[in-house]
Every structure is written in C-alpha cells, then in structure tokens.
Amino acid sequence: ASWFLTELHSKISRFSYWVEVVGKAKMPFPTAEMCLVVTLLVVGSVSLVTGYRIDVGASCLLTFLAPTALFFQCSGDRIQSISVGGGLLLLYVTGPGAISVGAAQFALS
C-alpha cells in the first residue's frame, strides 16, 4: 500500500507536471485522465489499507497499474508493476485478512 500512497502523493503534489507527461504521451484529455488516476489511487489505497471492499480497491489499483506499466515505464519498472499486479489479483481472489474491516463482509459473499 505504501507504494501506491507514494504514487498518490507524487500525482497530487506535481499534478500539472503529470498532466504534461500524459499529454506528451499523446493520450486524449490528459487533465481528466489524471483526475481519474488520482481517484483510482485514493479509492484503491484506502481500500487496501483498511481491508474494506478489497475487491473494488484491487480493481481500482489494477486499472491504474496496467496502463502505467504499458505506456509510461521502462522494462525494469514494468516487471515490478507486473509483479505488484499479480499480488493485487491474489488479493482480489482471496479477499481481505482475518482481522481487516472487510473480513466479515467478504465471508458473507
């Protein structure tokens, strides 16, 4: 979760820089895309830290991670992102831990 929180801090504190980077990558609507990225990171990180609705949080973070790995990272960072994505998929499938906020909710579904 700390990796995503670090990314979130970077995206918020240097928002205009990241809008420029997305624009240089010839992505349409860079400001709207960065707003979506910040939203995905907030929802996913909070979900991951608390354990509440971990399926939604893992999906949000995977939605952020996949395009980032494909379009914006070099090969070494891409491998790290793929391995983190595998961990997020595992979280999505297995659910939250026994003492998390969402443990009871996951057991009922």
PDB file of N, CA and C in Angstrom:
ATOM      1  N   ALA A   1       0.820  -1.192   0.000  1.00  0.00           N
ATOM      2  CA  ALA A   1       0.000   0.000   0.000  1.00  0.00           C
ATOM      3  C   ALA A   1       0.866   1.259   0.000  1.00  0.00           C
ATOM      4  N   SER A   2       2.039   1.158   0.601  1.00  0.00           N
ATOM      5  CA  SER A   2       2.890   2.352   0.678  1.00  0.00           C
ATOM      6  C   SER A   2       3.347   2.800  -0.712  1.00  0.00           C
ATOM      7  N   TRP A   3       3.541   1.875  -1.627  1.00  0.00           N
ATOM      8  CA  TRP A   3       3.957   2.224  -2.987  1.00  0.00           C
ATOM      9  C   TRP A   3       2.868   3.060  -3.663  1.00  0.00           C
ATOM     10  N   PHE A   4       1.625   2.652  -3.493  1.00  0.00           N
ATOM     11  CA  PHE A   4       0.514   3.393  -4.100  1.00  0.00           C
ATOM     12  C   PHE A   4       0.303   4.730  -3.409  1.00  0.00           C
ATOM     13  N   LEU A   5       0.505   4.783  -2.103  1.00  0.00           N
ATOM     14  CA  LEU A   5       0.387   6.061  -1.391  1.00  0.00           C
ATOM     15  C   LEU A   5       1.481   7.028  -1.831  1.00  0.00           C
ATOM     16  N   THR A   6       2.677   6.515  -2.082  1.00  0.00           N
ATOM     17  CA  THR A   6       3.764   7.354  -2.602  1.00  0.00           C
ATOM     18  C   THR A   6       3.409   7.875  -3.984  1.00  0.00           C
ATOM     19  N   GLU A   7       2.858   7.014  -4.826  1.00  0.00           N
ATOM     20  CA  GLU A   7       2.410   7.439  -6.156  1.00  0.00           C
ATOM     21  C   GLU A   7       1.320   8.508  -6.055  1.00  0.00           C
ATOM     22  N   LEU A   8       0.400   8.298  -5.125  1.00  0.00           N
ATOM     23  CA  LEU A   8      -0.685   9.261  -4.930  1.00  0.00           C
ATOM     24  C   LEU A   8      -0.131  10.623  -4.529  1.00  0.00           C
ATOM     25  N   HIS A   9       0.802  10.644  -3.606  1.00  0.00           N
ATOM     26  CA  HIS A   9       1.409  11.907  -3.180  1.00  0.00           C
ATOM     27  C   HIS A   9       2.095  12.596  -4.350  1.00  0.00           C
ATOM     28  N   SER A  10       2.813  11.820  -5.161  1.00  0.00           N
ATOM     29  CA  SER A  10       3.503  12.379  -6.323  1.00  0.00           C
ATOM     30  C   SER A  10       2.508  12.970  -7.320  1.00  0.00           C
ATOM     31  N   LYS A  11       1.429  12.258  -7.566  1.00  0.00           N
ATOM     32  CA  LYS A  11       0.446  12.729  -8.554  1.00  0.00           C
ATOM     33  C   LYS A  11      -0.266  13.995  -8.087  1.00  0.00           C
ATOM     34  N   ILE A  12      -0.541  14.080  -6.786  1.00  0.00           N
ATOM     35  CA  ILE A  12      -1.253  15.259  -6.277  1.00  0.00           C
ATOM     36  C   ILE A  12      -0.314  16.459  -6.173  1.00  0.00           C
ATOM     37  N   SER A  13       0.882  16.251  -5.635  1.00  0.00           N
ATOM     38  CA  SER A  13       1.789  17.380  -5.418  1.00  0.00           C
ATOM     39  C   SER A  13       2.365  17.930  -6.718  1.00  0.00           C
ATOM     40  N   ARG A  14       2.461  17.101  -7.754  1.00  0.00           N
ATOM     41  CA  ARG A  14       3.008  17.557  -9.036  1.00  0.00           C
ATOM     42  C   ARG A  14       1.991  17.320 -10.148  1.00  0.00           C
ATOM     43  N   PHE A  15       0.760  17.689  -9.886  1.00  0.00           N
ATOM     44  CA  PHE A  15      -0.340  17.395 -10.801  1.00  0.00           C
ATOM     45  C   PHE A  15      -0.098  17.972 -12.199  1.00  0.00           C
ATOM     46  N   SER A  16       0.306  19.230 -12.282  1.00  0.00           N
ATOM     47  CA  SER A  16       0.497  19.854 -13.596  1.00  0.00           C
ATOM     48  C   SER A  16       1.627  19.185 -14.381  1.00  0.00           C
ATOM     49  N   TYR A  17       2.660  18.747 -13.684  1.00  0.00           N
ATOM     50  CA  TYR A  17       3.754  18.021 -14.346  1.00  0.00           C
ATOM     51  C   TYR A  17       3.221  16.727 -14.964  1.00  0.00           C
ATOM     52  N   TRP A  18       2.415  15.984 -14.200  1.00  0.00           N
ATOM     53  CA  TRP A  18       1.906  14.705 -14.691  1.00  0.00           C
ATOM     54  C   TRP A  18       0.904  14.898 -15.821  1.00  0.00           C
ATOM     55  N   VAL A  19       0.142  15.977 -15.791  1.00  0.00           N
ATOM     56  CA  VAL A  19      -0.755  16.282 -16.912  1.00  0.00           C
ATOM     57  C   VAL A  19       0.066  16.507 -18.171  1.00  0.00           C
ATOM     58  N   GLU A  20       1.184  17.199 -18.026  1.00  0.00           N
ATOM     59  CA  GLU A  20       2.077  17.434 -19.167  1.00  0.00           C
ATOM     60  C   GLU A  20       2.670  16.130 -19.690  1.00  0.00           C
ATOM     61  N   VAL A  21       3.085  15.246 -18.793  1.00  0.00           N
ATOM     62  CA  VAL A  21       3.651  13.944 -19.194  1.00  0.00           C
ATOM     63  C   VAL A  21       2.615  13.126 -19.957  1.00  0.00           C
ATOM     64  N   VAL A  22       1.389  13.096 -19.456  1.00  0.00           N
ATOM     65  CA  VAL A  22       0.318  12.353 -20.130  1.00  0.00           C
ATOM     66  C   VAL A  22       0.014  12.986 -21.483  1.00  0.00           C
ATOM     67  N   GLY A  23       0.032  14.302 -21.565  1.00  0.00           N
ATOM     68  CA  GLY A  23      -0.194  14.988 -22.838  1.00  0.00           C
ATOM     69  C   GLY A  23       0.891  14.693 -23.854  1.00  0.00           C
ATOM     70  N   LYS A  24       2.154  14.614 -23.391  1.00  0.00           N
ATOM     71  CA  LYS A  24       3.262  14.294 -24.303  1.00  0.00           C
ATOM     72  C   LYS A  24       3.180  12.858 -24.807  1.00  0.00           C
ATOM     73  N   ALA A  25       2.511  11.993 -24.061  1.00  0.00           N
ATOM     74  CA  ALA A  25       2.337  10.605 -24.499  1.00  0.00           C
ATOM     75  C   ALA A  25       1.185  10.484 -25.496  1.00  0.00           C
ATOM     76  N   LYS A  26       0.641  11.629 -25.896  1.00  0.00           N
ATOM     77  CA  LYS A  26      -0.437  11.715 -26.886  1.00  0.00           C
ATOM     78  C   LYS A  26      -1.698  10.989 -26.442  1.00  0.00           C
ATOM     79  N   MET A  27      -1.955  11.053 -25.140  1.00  0.00           N
ATOM     80  CA  MET A  27      -3.186  10.497 -24.597  1.00  0.00           C
ATOM     81  C   MET A  27      -4.242  11.597 -24.655  1.00  0.00           C
ATOM     82  N   PRO A  28      -5.481  11.255 -25.003  1.00  0.00           N
ATOM     83  CA  PRO A  28      -6.522  12.286 -25.060  1.00  0.00           C
ATOM     84  C   PRO A  28      -6.961  12.714 -23.658  1.00  0.00           C
ATOM     85  N   PHE A  29      -7.333  13.953 -23.501  1.00  0.00           N
ATOM     86  CA  PHE A  29      -7.863  14.503 -22.250  1.00  0.00           C
ATOM     87  C   PHE A  29      -6.939  14.255 -21.047  1.00  0.00           C
ATOM     88  N   PRO A  30      -5.714  14.764 -21.082  1.00  0.00           N
ATOM     89  CA  PRO A  30      -4.756  14.462 -20.003  1.00  0.00           C
ATOM     90  C   PRO A  30      -5.203  14.925 -18.619  1.00  0.00           C
ATOM     91  N   THR A  31      -5.885  16.059 -18.512  1.00  0.00           N
ATOM     92  CA  THR A  31      -6.327  16.528 -17.194  1.00  0.00           C
ATOM     93  C   THR A  31      -7.393  15.597 -16.620  1.00  0.00           C
ATOM     94  N   ALA A  32      -8.339  15.196 -17.439  1.00  0.00           N
ATOM     95  CA  ALA A  32      -9.381  14.267 -16.985  1.00  0.00           C
ATOM     96  C   ALA A  32      -8.774  12.911 -16.615  1.00  0.00           C
ATOM     97  N   GLU A  33      -7.798  12.482 -17.380  1.00  0.00           N
ATOM     98  CA  GLU A  33      -7.154  11.202 -17.076  1.00  0.00           C
ATOM     99  C   GLU A  33      -6.395  11.257 -15.759  1.00  0.00           C
ATOM    100  N   MET A  34      -5.747  12.380 -15.495  1.00  0.00           N
ATOM    101  CA  MET A  34      -5.031  12.493 -14.218  1.00  0.00           C
ATOM    102  C   MET A  34      -6.002  12.575 -13.044  1.00  0.00           C
ATOM    103  N   CYS A  35      -7.143  13.199 -13.234  1.00  0.00           N
ATOM    104  CA  CYS A  35      -8.169  13.203 -12.180  1.00  0.00           C
ATOM    105  C   CYS A  35      -8.658  11.784 -11.918  1.00  0.00           C
ATOM    106  N   LEU A  36      -8.830  11.008 -12.980  1.00  0.00           N
ATOM    107  CA  LEU A  36      -9.225   9.608 -12.829  1.00  0.00           C
ATOM    108  C   LEU A  36      -8.141   8.811 -12.111  1.00  0.00           C
ATOM    109  N   VAL A  37      -6.874   9.048 -12.454  1.00  0.00           N
ATOM    110  CA  VAL A  37      -5.763   8.359 -11.804  1.00  0.00           C
ATOM    111  C   VAL A  37      -5.746   8.654 -10.307  1.00  0.00           C
ATOM    112  N   VAL A  38      -5.901   9.911  -9.946  1.00  0.00           N
ATOM    113  CA  VAL A  38      -5.907  10.285  -8.523  1.00  0.00           C
ATOM    114  C   VAL A  38      -7.081   9.609  -7.809  1.00  0.00           C
ATOM    115  N   THR A  39      -8.247   9.591  -8.439  1.00  0.00           N
ATOM    116  CA  THR A  39      -9.412   8.936  -7.844  1.00  0.00           C
ATOM    117  C   THR A  39      -9.172   7.445  -7.649  1.00  0.00           C
ATOM    118  N   LEU A  40      -8.626   6.782  -8.667  1.00  0.00           N
ATOM    119  CA  LEU A  40      -8.330   5.349  -8.566  1.00  0.00           C
ATOM    120  C   LEU A  40      -7.330   5.079  -7.447  1.00  0.00           C
ATOM    121  N   LEU A  41      -6.307   5.918  -7.341  1.00  0.00           N
ATOM    122  CA  LEU A  41      -5.305   5.722  -6.297  1.00  0.00           C
ATOM    123  C   LEU A  41      -5.874   5.954  -4.908  1.00  0.00           C
ATOM    124  N   VAL A  42      -6.735   6.960  -4.756  1.00  0.00           N
ATOM    125  CA  VAL A  42      -7.332   7.221  -3.438  1.00  0.00           C
ATOM    126  C   VAL A  42      -8.224   6.050  -3.027  1.00  0.00           C
ATOM    127  N   VAL A  43      -9.139   5.667  -3.890  1.00  0.00           N
ATOM    128  CA  VAL A  43     -10.074   4.581  -3.565  1.00  0.00           C
ATOM    129  C   VAL A  43      -9.319   3.272  -3.330  1.00  0.00           C
ATOM    130  N   GLY A  44      -8.397   2.953  -4.217  1.00  0.00           N
ATOM    131  CA  GLY A  44      -7.651   1.708  -4.091  1.00  0.00           C
ATOM    132  C   GLY A  44      -6.770   1.665  -2.859  1.00  0.00           C
ATOM    133  N   SER A  45      -6.082   2.745  -2.574  1.00  0.00           N
ATOM    134  CA  SER A  45      -5.182   2.778  -1.413  1.00  0.00           C
ATOM    135  C   SER A  45      -5.947   2.688  -0.102  1.00  0.00           C
ATOM    136  N   VAL A  46      -7.032   3.441   0.013  1.00  0.00           N
ATOM    137  CA  VAL A  46      -7.842   3.391   1.237  1.00  0.00           C
ATOM    138  C   VAL A  46      -8.417   1.991   1.423  1.00  0.00           C
ATOM    139  N   SER A  47      -8.882   1.397   0.355  1.00  0.00           N
ATOM    140  CA  SER A  47      -9.424   0.044   0.433  1.00  0.00           C
ATOM    141  C   SER A  47      -8.354  -0.966   0.840  1.00  0.00           C
ATOM    142  N   LEU A  48      -7.177  -0.825   0.288  1.00  0.00           N
ATOM    143  CA  LEU A  48      -6.086  -1.744   0.596  1.00  0.00           C
ATOM    144  C   LEU A  48      -5.623  -1.597   2.039  1.00  0.00           C
ATOM    145  N   VAL A  49      -5.540  -0.370   2.523  1.00  0.00           N
ATOM    146  CA  VAL A  49      -5.084  -0.133   3.896  1.00  0.00           C
ATOM    147  C   VAL A  49      -6.113  -0.622   4.907  1.00  0.00           C
ATOM    148  N   THR A  50      -7.396  -0.351   4.652  1.00  0.00           N
ATOM    149  CA  THR A  50      -8.425  -0.729   5.622  1.00  0.00           C
ATOM    150  C   THR A  50      -8.916  -2.158   5.462  1.00  0.00           C
ATOM    151  N   GLY A  51      -8.816  -2.695   4.269  1.00  0.00           N
ATOM    152  CA  GLY A  51      -9.339  -4.031   4.017  1.00  0.00           C
ATOM    153  C   GLY A  51     -10.816  -4.036   3.682  1.00  0.00           C
ATOM    154  N   TYR A  52     -11.418  -2.869   3.595  1.00  0.00           N
ATOM    155  CA  TYR A  52     -12.842  -2.770   3.271  1.00  0.00           C
ATOM    156  C   TYR A  52     -13.022  -2.753   1.762  1.00  0.00           C
ATOM    157  N   ARG A  53     -13.863  -3.621   1.244  1.00  0.00           N
ATOM    158  CA  ARG A  53     -14.119  -3.748  -0.203  1.00  0.00           C
ATOM    159  C   ARG A  53     -12.820  -3.916  -0.977  1.00  0.00           C
ATOM    160  N   ILE A  54     -12.053  -4.894  -0.563  1.00  0.00           N
ATOM    161  CA  ILE A  54     -10.739  -5.127  -1.158  1.00  0.00           C
ATOM    162  C   ILE A  54     -10.847  -5.467  -2.642  1.00  0.00           C
ATOM    163  N   ASP A  55     -11.968  -6.058  -3.063  1.00  0.00           N
ATOM    164  CA  ASP A  55     -12.151  -6.373  -4.473  1.00  0.00           C
ATOM    165  C   ASP A  55     -12.237  -5.101  -5.317  1.00  0.00           C
ATOM    166  N   VAL A  56     -12.943  -4.102  -4.801  1.00  0.00           N
ATOM    167  CA  VAL A  56     -13.043  -2.823  -5.514  1.00  0.00           C
ATOM    168  C   VAL A  56     -11.689  -2.109  -5.514  1.00  0.00           C
ATOM    169  N   GLY A  57     -11.016  -2.123  -4.359  1.00  0.00           N
ATOM    170  CA  GLY A  57      -9.712  -1.471  -4.264  1.00  0.00           C
ATOM    171  C   GLY A  57      -8.674  -2.097  -5.172  1.00  0.00           C
ATOM    172  N   ALA A  58      -8.626  -3.433  -5.194  1.00  0.00           N
ATOM    173  CA  ALA A  58      -7.670  -4.116  -6.069  1.00  0.00           C
ATOM    174  C   ALA A  58      -7.983  -3.837  -7.534  1.00  0.00           C
ATOM    175  N   SER A  59      -9.262  -3.786  -7.878  1.00  0.00           N
ATOM    176  CA  SER A  59      -9.644  -3.472  -9.261  1.00  0.00           C
ATOM    177  C   SER A  59      -9.225  -2.055  -9.645  1.00  0.00           C
ATOM    178  N   CYS A  60      -9.413  -1.105  -8.730  1.00  0.00           N
ATOM    179  CA  CYS A  60      -9.003   0.284  -8.994  1.00  0.00           C
ATOM    180  C   CYS A  60      -7.496   0.372  -9.214  1.00  0.00           C
ATOM    181  N   LEU A  61      -6.742  -0.293  -8.352  1.00  0.00           N
ATOM    182  CA  LEU A  61      -5.289  -0.216  -8.469  1.00  0.00           C
ATOM    183  C   LEU A  61      -4.778  -0.945  -9.708  1.00  0.00           C
ATOM    184  N   LEU A  62      -5.429  -2.038 -10.080  1.00  0.00           N
ATOM    185  CA  LEU A  62      -5.059  -2.717 -11.327  1.00  0.00           C
ATOM    186  C   LEU A  62      -5.386  -1.855 -12.538  1.00  0.00           C
ATOM    187  N   THR A  63      -6.504  -1.127 -12.469  1.00  0.00           N
ATOM    188  CA  THR A  63      -6.873  -0.222 -13.554  1.00  0.00           C
ATOM    189  C   THR A  63      -5.849   0.893 -13.703  1.00  0.00           C
ATOM    190  N   PHE A  64      -5.278   1.339 -12.590  1.00  0.00           N
ATOM    191  CA  PHE A  64      -4.197   2.329 -12.644  1.00  0.00           C
ATOM    192  C   PHE A  64      -2.900   1.702 -13.133  1.00  0.00           C
ATOM    193  N   LEU A  65      -2.606   0.502 -12.661  1.00  0.00           N
ATOM    194  CA  LEU A  65      -1.303  -0.115 -12.882  1.00  0.00           C
ATOM    195  C   LEU A  65      -1.082  -0.588 -14.319  1.00  0.00           C
ATOM    196  N   ALA A  66      -2.099  -1.150 -14.943  1.00  0.00           N
ATOM    197  CA  ALA A  66      -1.933  -1.720 -16.280  1.00  0.00           C
ATOM    198  C   ALA A  66      -1.509  -0.678 -17.324  1.00  0.00           C
ATOM    199  N   PRO A  67      -2.231   0.437 -17.494  1.00  0.00           N
ATOM    200  CA  PRO A  67      -1.785   1.421 -18.475  1.00  0.00           C
ATOM    201  C   PRO A  67      -0.449   2.070 -18.107  1.00  0.00           C
ATOM    202  N   THR A  68      -0.223   2.233 -16.797  1.00  0.00           N
ATOM    203  CA  THR A  68       1.041   2.820 -16.363  1.00  0.00           C
ATOM    204  C   THR A  68       2.202   1.943 -16.791  1.00  0.00           C
ATOM    205  N   ALA A  69       2.075   0.640 -16.581  1.00  0.00           N
ATOM    206  CA  ALA A  69       3.142  -0.289 -16.950  1.00  0.00           C
ATOM    207  C   ALA A  69       3.333  -0.334 -18.460  1.00  0.00           C
ATOM    208  N   LEU A  70       2.244  -0.270 -19.207  1.00  0.00           N
ATOM    209  CA  LEU A  70       2.348  -0.398 -20.662  1.00  0.00           C
ATOM    210  C   LEU A  70       2.885   0.860 -21.336  1.00  0.00           C
ATOM    211  N   PHE A  71       2.456   2.039 -20.873  1.00  0.00           N
ATOM    212  CA  PHE A  71       2.756   3.262 -21.611  1.00  0.00           C
ATOM    213  C   PHE A  71       3.851   4.140 -21.010  1.00  0.00           C
ATOM    214  N   PHE A  72       4.094   4.042 -19.712  1.00  0.00           N
ATOM    215  CA  PHE A  72       4.937   5.046 -19.078  1.00  0.00           C
ATOM    216  C   PHE A  72       6.175   4.511 -18.375  1.00  0.00           C
ATOM    217  N   GLN A  73       6.415   3.206 -18.353  1.00  0.00           N
ATOM    218  CA  GLN A  73       7.540   2.694 -17.587  1.00  0.00           C
ATOM    219  C   GLN A  73       8.542   1.979 -18.476  1.00  0.00           C
ATOM    220  N   CYS A  74       9.819   2.014 -18.027  1.00  0.00           N
ATOM    221  CA  CYS A  74      10.854   1.253 -18.714  1.00  0.00           C
ATOM    222  C   CYS A  74      10.748  -0.206 -18.261  1.00  0.00           C
ATOM    223  N   SER A  75      11.550  -1.084 -18.842  1.00  0.00           N
ATOM    224  CA  SER A  75      11.347  -2.517 -18.630  1.00  0.00           C
ATOM    225  C   SER A  75      11.560  -2.952 -17.184  1.00  0.00           C
ATOM    226  N   GLY A  76      12.519  -2.382 -16.455  1.00  0.00           N
ATOM    227  CA  GLY A  76      12.737  -2.774 -15.064  1.00  0.00           C
ATOM    228  C   GLY A  76      11.558  -2.425 -14.180  1.00  0.00           C
ATOM    229  N   ASP A  77      11.027  -1.229 -14.351  1.00  0.00           N
ATOM    230  CA  ASP A  77       9.855  -0.813 -13.582  1.00  0.00           C
ATOM    231  C   ASP A  77       8.615  -1.583 -14.014  1.00  0.00           C
ATOM    232  N   ARG A  78       8.568  -1.954 -15.289  1.00  0.00           N
ATOM    233  CA  ARG A  78       7.422  -2.695 -15.801  1.00  0.00           C
ATOM    234  C   ARG A  78       7.329  -4.066 -15.137  1.00  0.00           C
ATOM    235  N   ILE A  79       8.471  -4.697 -14.917  1.00  0.00           N
ATOM    236  CA  ILE A  79       8.480  -6.003 -14.260  1.00  0.00           C
ATOM    237  C   ILE A  79       7.980  -5.870 -12.828  1.00  0.00           C
ATOM    238  N   GLN A  80       8.387  -4.827 -12.133  1.00  0.00           N
ATOM    239  CA  GLN A  80       7.902  -4.583 -10.772  1.00  0.00           C
ATOM    240  C   GLN A  80       6.389  -4.369 -10.782  1.00  0.00           C
ATOM    241  N   SER A  81       5.892  -3.605 -11.724  1.00  0.00           N
ATOM    242  CA  SER A  81       4.458  -3.348 -11.800  1.00  0.00           C
ATOM    243  C   SER A  81       3.672  -4.620 -12.096  1.00  0.00           C
ATOM    244  N   ILE A  82       4.214  -5.483 -12.940  1.00  0.00           N
ATOM    245  CA  ILE A  82       3.543  -6.748 -13.242  1.00  0.00           C
ATOM    246  C   ILE A  82       3.486  -7.632 -12.003  1.00  0.00           C
ATOM    247  N   SER A  83       4.567  -7.658 -11.230  1.00  0.00           N
ATOM    248  CA  SER A  83       4.550  -8.477 -10.015  1.00  0.00           C
ATOM    249  C   SER A  83       3.593  -7.906  -8.969  1.00  0.00           C
ATOM    250  N   VAL A  84       3.527  -6.584  -8.838  1.00  0.00           N
ATOM    251  CA  VAL A  84       2.559  -5.965  -7.925  1.00  0.00           C
ATOM    252  C   VAL A  84       1.141  -6.266  -8.416  1.00  0.00           C
ATOM    253  N   GLY A  85       0.928  -6.232  -9.721  1.00  0.00           N
ATOM    254  CA  GLY A  85      -0.376  -6.579 -10.282  1.00  0.00           C
ATOM    255  C   GLY A  85      -0.773  -8.011  -9.952  1.00  0.00           C
ATOM    256  N   GLY A  86       0.195  -8.919  -9.967  1.00  0.00           N
ATOM    257  CA  GLY A  86      -0.089 -10.299  -9.570  1.00  0.00           C
ATOM    258  C   GLY A  86      -0.520 -10.386  -8.116  1.00  0.00           C
ATOM    259  N   GLY A  87       0.116  -9.607  -7.260  1.00  0.00           N
ATOM    260  CA  GLY A  87      -0.290  -9.568  -5.859  1.00  0.00           C
ATOM    261  C   GLY A  87      -1.687  -8.998  -5.681  1.00  0.00           C
ATOM    262  N   LEU A  88      -2.014  -7.988  -6.477  1.00  0.00           N
ATOM    263  CA  LEU A  88      -3.362  -7.408  -6.412  1.00  0.00           C
ATOM    264  C   LEU A  88      -4.415  -8.408  -6.890  1.00  0.00           C
ATOM    265  N   LEU A  89      -4.080  -9.185  -7.928  1.00  0.00           N
ATOM    266  CA  LEU A  89      -5.006 -10.227  -8.371  1.00  0.00           C
ATOM    267  C   LEU A  89      -5.215 -11.275  -7.283  1.00  0.00           C
ATOM    268  N   LEU A  90      -4.145 -11.621  -6.585  1.00  0.00           N
ATOM    269  CA  LEU A  90      -4.245 -12.572  -5.484  1.00  0.00           C
ATOM    270  C   LEU A  90      -5.138 -12.017  -4.373  1.00  0.00           C
ATOM    271  N   LEU A  91      -4.970 -10.755  -4.053  1.00  0.00           N
ATOM    272  CA  LEU A  91      -5.843 -10.107  -3.062  1.00  0.00           C
ATOM    273  C   LEU A  91      -7.298 -10.105  -3.515  1.00  0.00           C
ATOM    274  N   TYR A  92      -7.510  -9.849  -4.793  1.00  0.00           N
ATOM    275  CA  TYR A  92      -8.865  -9.833  -5.345  1.00  0.00           C
ATOM    276  C   TYR A  92      -9.531 -11.195  -5.169  1.00  0.00           C
ATOM    277  N   VAL A  93      -8.770 -12.257  -5.407  1.00  0.00           N
ATOM    278  CA  VAL A  93      -9.322 -13.612  -5.344  1.00  0.00           C
ATOM    279  C   VAL A  93      -9.494 -14.088  -3.906  1.00  0.00           C
ATOM    280  N   THR A  94      -8.487 -13.859  -3.060  1.00  0.00           N
ATOM    281  CA  THR A  94      -8.528 -14.408  -1.701  1.00  0.00           C
ATOM    282  C   THR A  94      -9.272 -13.520  -0.718  1.00  0.00           C
ATOM    283  N   GLY A  95      -9.359 -12.244  -0.983  1.00  0.00           N
ATOM    284  CA  GLY A  95     -10.071 -11.343  -0.093  1.00  0.00           C
ATOM    285  C   GLY A  95      -9.185 -10.787   0.997  1.00  0.00           C
ATOM    286  N   PRO A  96      -9.785 -10.064   1.928  1.00  0.00           N
ATOM    287  CA  PRO A  96      -9.023  -9.402   2.988  1.00  0.00           C
ATOM    288  C   PRO A  96      -8.563 -10.385   4.059  1.00  0.00           C
ATOM    289  N   GLY A  97      -7.673  -9.928   4.911  1.00  0.00           N
ATOM    290  CA  GLY A  97      -7.197 -10.741   6.022  1.00  0.00           C
ATOM    291  C   GLY A  97      -8.257 -10.915   7.093  1.00  0.00           C
ATOM    292  N   ALA A  98      -7.988 -11.806   8.029  1.00  0.00           N
ATOM    293  CA  ALA A  98      -8.977 -12.161   9.047  1.00  0.00           C
ATOM    294  C   ALA A  98      -9.334 -11.010   9.975  1.00  0.00           C
ATOM    295  N   ILE A  99      -8.408 -10.083  10.214  1.00  0.00           N
ATOM    296  CA  ILE A  99      -8.696  -9.007  11.164  1.00  0.00           C
ATOM    297  C   ILE A  99      -8.970  -7.662  10.490  1.00  0.00           C
ATOM    298  N   SER A 100      -9.211  -7.668   9.187  1.00  0.00           N
ATOM    299  CA  SER A 100      -9.461  -6.415   8.484  1.00  0.00           C
ATOM    300  C   SER A 100     -10.919  -6.004   8.624  1.00  0.00           C
ATOM    301  N   VAL A 101     -11.209  -4.773   8.241  1.00  0.00           N
ATOM    302  CA  VAL A 101     -12.563  -4.230   8.313  1.00  0.00           C
ATOM    303  C   VAL A 101     -13.517  -5.014   7.418  1.00  0.00           C
ATOM    304  N   GLY A 102     -13.050  -5.468   6.273  1.00  0.00           N
ATOM    305  CA  GLY A 102     -13.923  -6.137   5.321  1.00  0.00           C
ATOM    306  C   GLY A 102     -13.983  -7.642   5.445  1.00  0.00           C
ATOM    307  N   ALA A 103     -13.390  -8.226   6.483  1.00  0.00           N
ATOM    308  CA  ALA A 103     -13.352  -9.690   6.613  1.00  0.00           C
ATOM    309  C   ALA A 103     -14.752 -10.288   6.718  1.00  0.00           C
ATOM    310  N   ALA A 104     -15.607  -9.712   7.552  1.00  0.00           N
ATOM    311  CA  ALA A 104     -16.956 -10.237   7.716  1.00  0.00           C
ATOM    312  C   ALA A 104     -17.767 -10.089   6.431  1.00  0.00           C
ATOM    313  N   GLN A 105     -17.611  -8.966   5.765  1.00  0.00           N
ATOM    314  CA  GLN A 105     -18.343  -8.728   4.515  1.00  0.00           C
ATOM    315  C   GLN A 105     -17.913  -9.724   3.449  1.00  0.00           C
ATOM    316  N   PHE A 106     -16.618 -10.046   3.367  1.00  0.00           N
ATOM    317  CA  PHE A 106     -16.120 -10.975   2.361  1.00  0.00           C
ATOM    318  C   PHE A 106     -16.589 -12.395   2.669  1.00  0.00           C
ATOM    319  N   ALA A 107     -16.664 -12.762   3.942  1.00  0.00           N
ATOM    320  CA  ALA A 107     -17.096 -14.097   4.323  1.00  0.00           C
ATOM    321  C   ALA A 107     -18.555 -14.340   3.963  1.00  0.00           C
ATOM    322  N   LEU A 108     -19.364 -13.293   3.963  1.00  0.00           N
ATOM    323  CA  LEU A 108     -20.776 -13.429   3.654  1.00  0.00           C
ATOM    324  C   LEU A 108     -21.035 -13.589   2.170  1.00  0.00           C
ATOM    325  N   SER A 109     -20.127 -13.110   1.319  1.00  0.00           N
ATOM    326  CA  SER A 109     -20.370 -13.162  -0.119  1.00  0.00           C
ATOM    327  C   SER A 109     -19.915 -14.440  -0.752  1.00  0.00           C
TER     328      SER A 109
END
